[in-house]
Amino acid sequence: MQENTAKIDLRKNATYIVKDGKLTPIPSPPAGYGKQVINWQGGKPCNGMVEESLKF
C-alpha cells in the first residue's frame, strides 16, 4: 500500500480540495469576504466557484 502525504502550513487560513491524491488550494475571495461553493459529482469534487461580498 502506497501512502501519500502532503505538508500544509496550519498557521495559514485556507481551503483545500483533495481529488485523486492531488492537493489543490482554493483561492480566497479577493476582498476577504464571500464564499466558496464546491460541487460534487460521483463522490468527487468536480468544480467550484468563489463569490465575493462587500462589507459596508
PDB file of N, CA and C in Angstrom:
ATOM      1  N   MET A   1       0.845  -1.190   0.000  1.00  0.00           N
ATOM      2  CA  MET A   1       0.000   0.000   0.000  1.00  0.00           C
ATOM      3  C   MET A   1       0.880   1.240   0.000  1.00  0.00           C
ATOM      4  N   GLN A   2       0.653   2.121  -0.952  1.00  0.00           N
ATOM      5  CA  GLN A   2       1.417   3.356  -1.058  1.00  0.00           C
ATOM      6  C   GLN A   2       0.731   4.444  -0.254  1.00  0.00           C
ATOM      7  N   GLU A   3       1.523   5.170   0.533  1.00  0.00           N
ATOM      8  CA  GLU A   3       0.971   6.246   1.344  1.00  0.00           C
ATOM      9  C   GLU A   3       1.413   7.582   0.764  1.00  0.00           C
ATOM     10  N   ASN A   4       0.467   8.457   0.515  1.00  0.00           N
ATOM     11  CA  ASN A   4       0.773   9.803   0.019  1.00  0.00           C
ATOM     12  C   ASN A   4       0.555  10.788   1.146  1.00  0.00           C
ATOM     13  N   THR A   5       1.497  11.684   1.317  1.00  0.00           N
ATOM     14  CA  THR A   5       1.358  12.713   2.342  1.00  0.00           C
ATOM     15  C   THR A   5       1.672  14.066   1.725  1.00  0.00           C
ATOM     16  N   ALA A   6       1.133  15.107   2.333  1.00  0.00           N
ATOM     17  CA  ALA A   6       1.397  16.480   1.901  1.00  0.00           C
ATOM     18  C   ALA A   6       1.589  17.329   3.140  1.00  0.00           C
ATOM     19  N   LYS A   7       2.414  18.339   3.034  1.00  0.00           N
ATOM     20  CA  LYS A   7       2.613  19.275   4.133  1.00  0.00           C
ATOM     21  C   LYS A   7       1.884  20.568   3.811  1.00  0.00           C
ATOM     22  N   ILE A   8       1.147  21.067   4.797  1.00  0.00           N
ATOM     23  CA  ILE A   8       0.486  22.365   4.667  1.00  0.00           C
ATOM     24  C   ILE A   8       0.800  23.187   5.910  1.00  0.00           C
ATOM     25  N   ASP A   9       0.774  24.482   5.770  1.00  0.00           N
ATOM     26  CA  ASP A   9       1.037  25.396   6.876  1.00  0.00           C
ATOM     27  C   ASP A   9      -0.264  25.602   7.661  1.00  0.00           C
ATOM     28  N   LEU A  10      -0.333  25.060   8.853  1.00  0.00           N
ATOM     29  CA  LEU A  10      -1.552  25.163   9.667  1.00  0.00           C
ATOM     30  C   LEU A  10      -1.738  26.543  10.281  1.00  0.00           C
ATOM     31  N   ARG A  11      -0.766  27.420  10.111  1.00  0.00           N
ATOM     32  CA  ARG A  11      -0.916  28.793  10.604  1.00  0.00           C
ATOM     33  C   ARG A  11      -1.642  29.664   9.586  1.00  0.00           C
ATOM     34  N   LYS A  12      -1.814  29.166   8.369  1.00  0.00           N
ATOM     35  CA  LYS A  12      -2.470  29.919   7.299  1.00  0.00           C
ATOM     36  C   LYS A  12      -3.914  29.443   7.154  1.00  0.00           C
ATOM     37  N   ASN A  13      -4.865  30.381   7.187  1.00  0.00           N
ATOM     38  CA  ASN A  13      -6.269  30.035   6.953  1.00  0.00           C
ATOM     39  C   ASN A  13      -6.436  29.741   5.462  1.00  0.00           C
ATOM     40  N   ALA A  14      -6.966  28.579   5.144  1.00  0.00           N
ATOM     41  CA  ALA A  14      -7.088  28.193   3.736  1.00  0.00           C
ATOM     42  C   ALA A  14      -8.097  27.063   3.585  1.00  0.00           C
ATOM     43  N   THR A  15      -8.543  26.876   2.349  1.00  0.00           N
ATOM     44  CA  THR A  15      -9.402  25.762   1.989  1.00  0.00           C
ATOM     45  C   THR A  15      -8.675  24.950   0.925  1.00  0.00           C
ATOM     46  N   TYR A  16      -8.697  23.625   1.088  1.00  0.00           N
ATOM     47  CA  TYR A  16      -8.035  22.743   0.138  1.00  0.00           C
ATOM     48  C   TYR A  16      -9.000  21.662  -0.324  1.00  0.00           C
ATOM     49  N   ILE A  17      -8.823  21.205  -1.547  1.00  0.00           N
ATOM     50  CA  ILE A  17      -9.558  20.063  -2.076  1.00  0.00           C
ATOM     51  C   ILE A  17      -8.539  18.969  -2.350  1.00  0.00           C
ATOM     52  N   VAL A  18      -8.859  17.760  -1.938  1.00  0.00           N
ATOM     53  CA  VAL A  18      -8.043  16.604  -2.291  1.00  0.00           C
ATOM     54  C   VAL A  18      -8.867  15.771  -3.263  1.00  0.00           C
ATOM     55  N   LYS A  19      -8.347  15.616  -4.482  1.00  0.00           N
ATOM     56  CA  LYS A  19      -9.039  14.838  -5.514  1.00  0.00           C
ATOM     57  C   LYS A  19      -8.019  13.940  -6.202  1.00  0.00           C
ATOM     58  N   ASP A  20      -8.295  12.667  -6.209  1.00  0.00           N
ATOM     59  CA  ASP A  20      -7.416  11.689  -6.853  1.00  0.00           C
ATOM     60  C   ASP A  20      -5.976  11.806  -6.367  1.00  0.00           C
ATOM     61  N   GLY A  21      -5.807  12.043  -5.078  1.00  0.00           N
ATOM     62  CA  GLY A  21      -4.481  12.110  -4.478  1.00  0.00           C
ATOM     63  C   GLY A  21      -3.743  13.417  -4.692  1.00  0.00           C
ATOM     64  N   LYS A  22      -4.397  14.419  -5.265  1.00  0.00           N
ATOM     65  CA  LYS A  22      -3.766  15.705  -5.532  1.00  0.00           C
ATOM     66  C   LYS A  22      -4.393  16.788  -4.659  1.00  0.00           C
ATOM     67  N   LEU A  23      -3.547  17.552  -3.964  1.00  0.00           N
ATOM     68  CA  LEU A  23      -3.994  18.632  -3.082  1.00  0.00           C
ATOM     69  C   LEU A  23      -4.029  19.938  -3.869  1.00  0.00           C
ATOM     70  N   THR A  24      -5.193  20.597  -3.870  1.00  0.00           N
ATOM     71  CA  THR A  24      -5.360  21.848  -4.608  1.00  0.00           C
ATOM     72  C   THR A  24      -5.868  22.928  -3.661  1.00  0.00           C
ATOM     73  N   PRO A  25      -5.136  24.040  -3.494  1.00  0.00           N
ATOM     74  CA  PRO A  25      -5.655  25.148  -2.680  1.00  0.00           C
ATOM     75  C   PRO A  25      -6.748  25.889  -3.444  1.00  0.00           C
ATOM     76  N   ILE A  26      -7.795  26.272  -2.736  1.00  0.00           N
ATOM     77  CA  ILE A  26      -8.898  27.030  -3.323  1.00  0.00           C
ATOM     78  C   ILE A  26      -8.670  28.506  -2.992  1.00  0.00           C
ATOM     79  N   PRO A  27      -8.714  29.397  -3.986  1.00  0.00           N
ATOM     80  CA  PRO A  27      -8.445  30.812  -3.708  1.00  0.00           C
ATOM     81  C   PRO A  27      -9.515  31.427  -2.803  1.00  0.00           C
ATOM     82  N   SER A  28      -9.083  32.340  -1.963  1.00  0.00           N
ATOM     83  CA  SER A  28      -9.998  33.075  -1.084  1.00  0.00           C
ATOM     84  C   SER A  28     -10.656  34.196  -1.872  1.00  0.00           C
ATOM     85  N   PRO A  29     -11.822  34.670  -1.410  1.00  0.00           N
ATOM     86  CA  PRO A  29     -12.435  35.828  -2.065  1.00  0.00           C
ATOM     87  C   PRO A  29     -11.460  37.013  -2.029  1.00  0.00           C
ATOM     88  N   PRO A  30     -11.318  37.744  -3.132  1.00  0.00           N
ATOM     89  CA  PRO A  30     -10.324  38.817  -3.215  1.00  0.00           C
ATOM     90  C   PRO A  30     -10.424  39.875  -2.113  1.00  0.00           C
ATOM     91  N   ALA A  31     -11.634  40.263  -1.733  1.00  0.00           N
ATOM     92  CA  ALA A  31     -11.792  41.300  -0.705  1.00  0.00           C
ATOM     93  C   ALA A  31     -11.747  40.723   0.704  1.00  0.00           C
ATOM     94  N   GLY A  32     -11.657  39.404   0.817  1.00  0.00           N
ATOM     95  CA  GLY A  32     -11.631  38.782   2.126  1.00  0.00           C
ATOM     96  C   GLY A  32     -13.003  38.414   2.656  1.00  0.00           C
ATOM     97  N   TYR A  33     -14.063  38.785   1.935  1.00  0.00           N
ATOM     98  CA  TYR A  33     -15.428  38.456   2.333  1.00  0.00           C
ATOM     99  C   TYR A  33     -16.107  37.741   1.176  1.00  0.00           C
ATOM    100  N   GLY A  34     -16.809  36.681   1.461  1.00  0.00           N
ATOM    101  CA  GLY A  34     -17.521  35.968   0.423  1.00  0.00           C
ATOM    102  C   GLY A  34     -17.690  34.508   0.780  1.00  0.00           C
ATOM    103  N   LYS A  35     -17.818  33.684  -0.249  1.00  0.00           N
ATOM    104  CA  LYS A  35     -17.996  32.256   0.000  1.00  0.00           C
ATOM    105  C   LYS A  35     -17.390  31.440  -1.129  1.00  0.00           C
ATOM    106  N   GLN A  36     -17.106  30.204  -0.805  1.00  0.00           N
ATOM    107  CA  GLN A  36     -16.597  29.230  -1.757  1.00  0.00           C
ATOM    108  C   GLN A  36     -17.625  28.114  -1.846  1.00  0.00           C
ATOM    109  N   VAL A  37     -18.048  27.773  -3.065  1.00  0.00           N
ATOM    110  CA  VAL A  37     -19.029  26.712  -3.270  1.00  0.00           C
ATOM    111  C   VAL A  37     -18.357  25.612  -4.081  1.00  0.00           C
ATOM    112  N   ILE A  38     -18.362  24.391  -3.552  1.00  0.00           N
ATOM    113  CA  ILE A  38     -17.758  23.248  -4.223  1.00  0.00           C
ATOM    114  C   ILE A  38     -18.881  22.301  -4.639  1.00  0.00           C
ATOM    115  N   ASN A  39     -18.901  21.924  -5.909  1.00  0.00           N
ATOM    116  CA  ASN A  39     -19.881  20.978  -6.427  1.00  0.00           C
ATOM    117  C   ASN A  39     -19.245  19.598  -6.534  1.00  0.00           C
ATOM    118  N   TRP A  40     -20.034  18.592  -6.198  1.00  0.00           N
ATOM    119  CA  TRP A  40     -19.558  17.209  -6.195  1.00  0.00           C
ATOM    120  C   TRP A  40     -20.353  16.399  -7.214  1.00  0.00           C
ATOM    121  N   GLN A  41     -19.666  15.452  -7.834  1.00  0.00           N
ATOM    122  CA  GLN A  41     -20.319  14.532  -8.753  1.00  0.00           C
ATOM    123  C   GLN A  41     -19.633  13.177  -8.629  1.00  0.00           C
ATOM    124  N   GLY A  42     -20.414  12.137  -8.435  1.00  0.00           N
ATOM    125  CA  GLY A  42     -19.851  10.795  -8.308  1.00  0.00           C
ATOM    126  C   GLY A  42     -18.930  10.642  -7.115  1.00  0.00           C
ATOM    127  N   GLY A  43     -19.177  11.397  -6.058  1.00  0.00           N
ATOM    128  CA  GLY A  43     -18.360  11.295  -4.848  1.00  0.00           C
ATOM    129  C   GLY A  43     -17.045  12.050  -4.917  1.00  0.00           C
ATOM    130  N   LYS A  44     -16.852  12.879  -5.962  1.00  0.00           N
ATOM    131  CA  LYS A  44     -15.618  13.644  -6.101  1.00  0.00           C
ATOM    132  C   LYS A  44     -15.962  15.109  -6.375  1.00  0.00           C
ATOM    133  N   PRO A  45     -15.115  16.026  -5.888  1.00  0.00           N
ATOM    134  CA  PRO A  45     -15.335  17.423  -6.229  1.00  0.00           C
ATOM    135  C   PRO A  45     -15.090  17.614  -7.723  1.00  0.00           C
ATOM    136  N   CYS A  46     -16.010  18.296  -8.419  1.00  0.00           N
ATOM    137  CA  CYS A  46     -15.863  18.437  -9.878  1.00  0.00           C
ATOM    138  C   CYS A  46     -15.640  19.885 -10.300  1.00  0.00           C
ATOM    139  N   ASN A  47     -16.216  20.857  -9.590  1.00  0.00           N
ATOM    140  CA  ASN A  47     -15.967  22.266  -9.898  1.00  0.00           C
ATOM    141  C   ASN A  47     -16.411  23.113  -8.724  1.00  0.00           C
ATOM    142  N   GLY A  48     -16.088  24.371  -8.788  1.00  0.00           N
ATOM    143  CA  GLY A  48     -16.472  25.258  -7.706  1.00  0.00           C
ATOM    144  C   GLY A  48     -16.449  26.692  -8.153  1.00  0.00           C
ATOM    145  N   MET A  49     -16.903  27.568  -7.260  1.00  0.00           N
ATOM    146  CA  MET A  49     -16.870  28.986  -7.564  1.00  0.00           C
ATOM    147  C   MET A  49     -16.571  29.759  -6.283  1.00  0.00           C
ATOM    148  N   VAL A  50     -15.959  30.897  -6.468  1.00  0.00           N
ATOM    149  CA  VAL A  50     -15.661  31.807  -5.370  1.00  0.00           C
ATOM    150  C   VAL A  50     -16.482  33.061  -5.598  1.00  0.00           C
ATOM    151  N   GLU A  51     -17.294  33.423  -4.605  1.00  0.00           N
ATOM    152  CA  GLU A  51     -18.120  34.632  -4.693  1.00  0.00           C
ATOM    153  C   GLU A  51     -17.603  35.653  -3.701  1.00  0.00           C
ATOM    154  N   GLU A  52     -17.558  36.876  -4.138  1.00  0.00           N
ATOM    155  CA  GLU A  52     -17.071  37.969  -3.296  1.00  0.00           C
ATOM    156  C   GLU A  52     -18.256  38.771  -2.775  1.00  0.00           C
ATOM    157  N   SER A  53     -18.200  39.163  -1.520  1.00  0.00           N
ATOM    158  CA  SER A  53     -19.213  40.030  -0.907  1.00  0.00           C
ATOM    159  C   SER A  53     -18.553  41.336  -0.496  1.00  0.00           C
ATOM    160  N   LEU A  54     -19.349  42.369  -0.433  1.00  0.00           N
ATOM    161  CA  LEU A  54     -18.860  43.654   0.035  1.00  0.00           C
ATOM    162  C   LEU A  54     -19.368  43.894   1.444  1.00  0.00           C
ATOM    163  N   LYS A  55     -18.474  44.306   2.306  1.00  0.00           N
ATOM    164  CA  LYS A  55     -18.860  44.623   3.684  1.00  0.00           C
ATOM    165  C   LYS A  55     -18.922  46.144   3.822  1.00  0.00           C
ATOM    166  N   PHE A  56     -20.073  46.631   4.299  1.00  0.00           N
ATOM    167  CA  PHE A  56     -20.254  48.090   4.443  1.00  0.00           C
ATOM    168  C   PHE A  56     -20.050  48.496   5.878  1.00  0.00           C
TER     169      PHE A  56
END
